[in-house]
Amino acid sequence: MPTRNDAYTLMTSHVKNENLQKHMLSVEVAMRFYARKYGEDEELWAMTGLLHDCDYEEYPDLNEHTQVAAGWLREGVYDERIIYAILAHNDLNQATHPRTDLLSRALSACDEITGMITATALVRPDKSILGLQVSSVRKKMKTKGFAAGVHREDLVRGAEELGVDLNEHIAFVIEAMSSIADTLGLAGVQEAASH
């Protein structure tokens, strides 16, 4: 099985957009935290999160997205469970890859919510995820036009499929992402001390 370093190298070789890289790092850490919570394989789950959109920058068409990644991962001899979950997170693949396992459901649940959390953190005065409240994220979810690329129904459905309360899910993912706030650029801007 390839290592996390192999997976990171694969991801960054295909993804040059820094925000997309940060998105995948966000999903990676959320998946790692959920694996720990459920007593699952942390490395396998984290790698699934890290790689889930590795083909998106080059193949944004949803008919190709995840299909191309699956090919790359099979060539790299990645675990089939990772490949299945990545295919399953693209709704167009539901007929052939339904989200019937915990790994697939967790990936789907973590994918969109990390985007909403990031967007909410970035509009705070300090641009920090640290101390971000669930209520702030829920309020932004109700704001039309805010983080328009994040489909609200996917946020709700993701938590439902995973069998977790949406507020608890948001709090859990905020906690996970906060653990790597510096890496994500969400540790906040420090104001210069005035003398």
Protein backbone atom coordinates (compact mmCIF):
# COMPACT_ATOMS: atom_id res chain seq x y z
CA MET A 1 0.00 0.00 0.00
CA PRO A 2 1.34 3.44 -0.88
CA THR A 3 2.23 5.76 2.00
CA ARG A 4 0.63 9.08 2.94
CA ASN A 5 3.66 10.76 1.37
CA ASP A 6 3.00 8.89 -1.90
CA ALA A 7 -0.63 10.02 -1.78
CA TYR A 8 0.35 13.63 -1.09
CA THR A 9 2.82 13.59 -3.98
CA LEU A 10 0.16 12.15 -6.31
CA MET A 11 -2.34 14.79 -5.21
CA THR A 12 0.04 17.76 -5.59
CA SER A 13 1.31 16.51 -8.96
CA HIS A 14 -2.23 16.89 -10.34
CA VAL A 15 -3.53 19.74 -8.20
CA LYS A 16 -1.76 23.10 -8.40
CA ASN A 17 -4.60 25.23 -7.02
CA GLU A 18 -3.70 25.97 -3.40
CA ASN A 19 -7.32 26.28 -2.27
CA LEU A 20 -8.17 22.89 -3.75
CA GLN A 21 -5.12 21.40 -2.02
CA LYS A 22 -6.29 22.91 1.28
CA HIS A 23 -9.77 21.49 0.68
CA MET A 24 -8.30 18.00 0.34
CA LEU A 25 -6.16 18.48 3.45
CA SER A 26 -9.32 19.56 5.30
CA VAL A 27 -11.18 16.45 4.22
CA GLU A 28 -8.13 14.33 5.06
CA VAL A 29 -8.02 15.54 8.67
CA ALA A 30 -11.81 15.27 9.08
CA MET A 31 -11.67 11.69 7.80
CA ARG A 32 -8.78 10.89 10.15
CA PHE A 33 -10.80 12.17 13.11
CA TYR A 34 -13.87 10.15 12.07
CA ALA A 35 -11.77 7.01 11.62
CA ARG A 36 -10.48 7.46 15.17
CA LYS A 37 -14.02 8.00 16.45
CA TYR A 38 -15.31 4.86 14.74
CA GLY A 39 -12.26 2.69 15.44
CA GLU A 40 -11.43 2.41 11.73
CA ASP A 41 -8.11 2.48 9.86
CA GLU A 42 -6.94 6.09 10.23
CA GLU A 43 -4.39 5.96 7.41
CA LEU A 44 -6.84 4.44 4.94
CA TRP A 45 -9.58 6.93 5.82
CA ALA A 46 -7.21 9.92 5.78
CA MET A 47 -5.77 8.89 2.41
CA THR A 48 -9.31 8.65 1.02
CA GLY A 49 -9.93 12.25 2.06
CA LEU A 50 -6.57 13.44 0.75
CA LEU A 51 -7.12 11.91 -2.68
CA HIS A 52 -10.86 12.31 -3.21
CA ASP A 53 -10.60 15.24 -5.63
CA CYS A 54 -7.10 14.61 -7.02
CA ASP A 55 -8.39 14.62 -10.62
CA TYR A 56 -10.84 17.53 -10.26
CA GLU A 57 -8.54 20.34 -11.41
CA GLU A 58 -7.64 18.54 -14.65
CA TYR A 59 -11.00 16.74 -15.10
CA PRO A 60 -13.76 18.93 -13.63
CA ASP A 61 -16.45 17.36 -15.83
CA LEU A 62 -18.48 15.20 -13.45
CA ASN A 63 -18.64 12.42 -16.05
CA GLU A 64 -14.83 12.12 -15.81
CA HIS A 65 -14.20 13.30 -12.22
CA THR A 66 -13.36 10.33 -9.96
CA GLN A 67 -13.22 7.96 -12.95
CA VAL A 68 -9.80 9.34 -13.92
CA ALA A 69 -8.65 9.29 -10.28
CA ALA A 70 -9.75 5.67 -9.95
CA GLY A 71 -7.47 4.78 -12.88
CA TRP A 72 -4.51 6.57 -11.33
CA LEU A 73 -5.10 4.91 -7.97
CA ARG A 74 -5.40 1.43 -9.47
CA GLU A 75 -2.10 2.00 -11.29
CA GLY A 76 -0.60 3.04 -7.96
CA VAL A 77 -2.00 -0.10 -6.27
CA TYR A 78 -4.12 1.82 -3.77
CA ASP A 79 -6.61 -0.08 -1.63
CA GLU A 80 -9.88 -0.74 -3.50
CA ARG A 81 -11.84 0.61 -0.50
CA ILE A 82 -10.27 4.03 -1.12
CA ILE A 83 -11.13 3.86 -4.82
CA TYR A 84 -14.71 2.77 -4.14
CA ALA A 85 -15.32 5.61 -1.67
CA ILE A 86 -13.86 8.18 -4.06
CA LEU A 87 -16.09 6.92 -6.88
CA ALA A 88 -19.09 6.89 -4.52
CA HIS A 89 -18.65 10.53 -3.51
CA ASN A 90 -19.52 11.61 -7.07
CA ASP A 91 -23.32 11.49 -7.22
CA LEU A 92 -23.20 10.52 -10.91
CA ASN A 93 -21.71 7.15 -9.84
CA GLN A 94 -24.47 6.22 -7.39
CA ALA A 95 -25.93 3.55 -9.69
CA THR A 96 -22.63 1.63 -9.74
CA HIS A 97 -21.06 2.84 -6.48
CA PRO A 98 -23.78 3.51 -3.91
CA ARG A 99 -22.65 4.84 -0.53
CA THR A 100 -23.40 1.66 1.37
CA ASP A 101 -20.33 1.56 3.61
CA LEU A 102 -19.20 3.84 6.44
CA LEU A 103 -16.09 5.03 4.59
CA SER A 104 -18.11 6.25 1.58
CA ARG A 105 -20.70 7.93 3.79
CA ALA A 106 -18.03 9.68 5.87
CA LEU A 107 -16.26 10.98 2.76
CA SER A 108 -19.48 12.36 1.35
CA ALA A 109 -20.38 13.95 4.69
CA CYS A 110 -16.96 15.59 5.12
CA ASP A 111 -16.52 16.79 1.54
CA GLU A 112 -18.98 19.68 1.32
CA ILE A 113 -19.02 20.68 5.00
CA THR A 114 -15.30 21.51 4.98
CA GLY A 115 -15.98 24.08 2.24
CA MET A 116 -18.75 25.75 4.23
CA ILE A 117 -16.62 25.81 7.38
CA THR A 118 -13.64 27.29 5.50
CA ALA A 119 -15.79 29.98 3.87
CA THR A 120 -17.35 30.88 7.23
CA ALA A 121 -13.94 31.11 8.92
CA LEU A 122 -12.57 33.35 6.16
CA VAL A 123 -15.28 36.00 6.59
CA ARG A 124 -14.57 36.34 10.32
CA PRO A 125 -12.57 39.49 11.22
CA ASP A 126 -9.56 37.38 12.24
CA LYS A 127 -10.01 34.88 9.37
CA SER A 128 -9.60 32.05 11.88
CA ILE A 129 -11.29 28.70 12.36
CA LEU A 130 -10.17 28.72 16.00
CA GLY A 131 -13.20 29.37 18.18
CA LEU A 132 -15.61 29.19 15.23
CA GLN A 133 -19.08 28.35 16.48
CA VAL A 134 -21.53 25.91 14.91
CA SER A 135 -24.20 28.64 15.05
CA SER A 136 -22.06 30.85 12.77
CA VAL A 137 -21.79 28.07 10.19
CA ARG A 138 -25.54 27.34 10.41
CA LYS A 139 -26.31 31.05 9.97
CA LYS A 140 -24.10 31.23 6.87
CA MET A 141 -25.78 28.10 5.49
CA LYS A 142 -29.06 30.08 5.45
CA THR A 143 -27.48 33.03 3.61
CA LYS A 144 -28.30 32.77 -0.08
CA GLY A 145 -25.30 33.47 -2.28
CA PHE A 146 -22.77 32.78 0.48
CA ALA A 147 -20.38 29.99 -0.57
CA ALA A 148 -22.73 29.42 -3.49
CA GLY A 149 -20.74 26.40 -4.68
CA VAL A 150 -21.63 24.51 -1.52
CA HIS A 151 -24.94 22.70 -1.97
CA ARG A 152 -26.90 22.97 1.27
CA GLU A 153 -28.88 19.80 0.59
CA ASP A 154 -25.58 17.89 0.34
CA LEU A 155 -24.58 19.14 3.80
CA VAL A 156 -27.83 17.90 5.32
CA ARG A 157 -27.87 14.64 3.37
CA GLY A 158 -24.23 13.90 4.19
CA ALA A 159 -24.86 14.07 7.93
CA GLU A 160 -28.07 12.04 7.56
CA GLU A 161 -26.31 9.30 5.56
CA LEU A 162 -23.57 9.15 8.19
CA GLY A 163 -26.21 8.99 10.92
CA VAL A 164 -24.96 12.02 12.84
CA ASP A 165 -26.69 15.20 13.98
CA LEU A 166 -25.75 18.06 11.64
CA ASN A 167 -24.68 20.38 14.47
CA GLU A 168 -22.51 17.66 16.01
CA HIS A 169 -21.03 16.93 12.58
CA ILE A 170 -20.16 20.59 12.03
CA ALA A 171 -18.60 20.85 15.51
CA PHE A 172 -16.59 17.67 14.94
CA VAL A 173 -15.24 18.82 11.58
CA ILE A 174 -14.39 22.27 12.99
CA GLU A 175 -12.41 20.50 15.73
CA ALA A 176 -10.60 18.33 13.16
CA MET A 177 -9.76 21.25 10.88
CA SER A 178 -8.66 23.40 13.85
CA SER A 179 -5.95 20.83 14.57
CA ILE A 180 -4.22 21.86 11.32
CA ALA A 181 -5.38 25.50 11.22
CA ASP A 182 -1.88 26.75 10.32
CA THR A 183 -1.59 24.38 7.36
CA LEU A 184 -5.03 25.44 6.13
CA GLY A 185 -4.24 29.14 6.51
CA LEU A 186 -7.07 29.42 9.04
CA ALA A 187 -5.10 30.18 12.21
CA GLY A 188 -6.06 33.83 11.94
CA VAL A 189 -4.31 37.05 11.18
CA GLN A 190 -2.39 38.48 14.11
CA GLU A 191 -2.88 42.17 14.57
CA ALA A 192 0.31 44.09 15.18
CA ALA A 193 0.58 45.23 18.79
CA SER A 194 0.21 48.97 19.01
CA HIS A 195 2.64 50.89 21.20
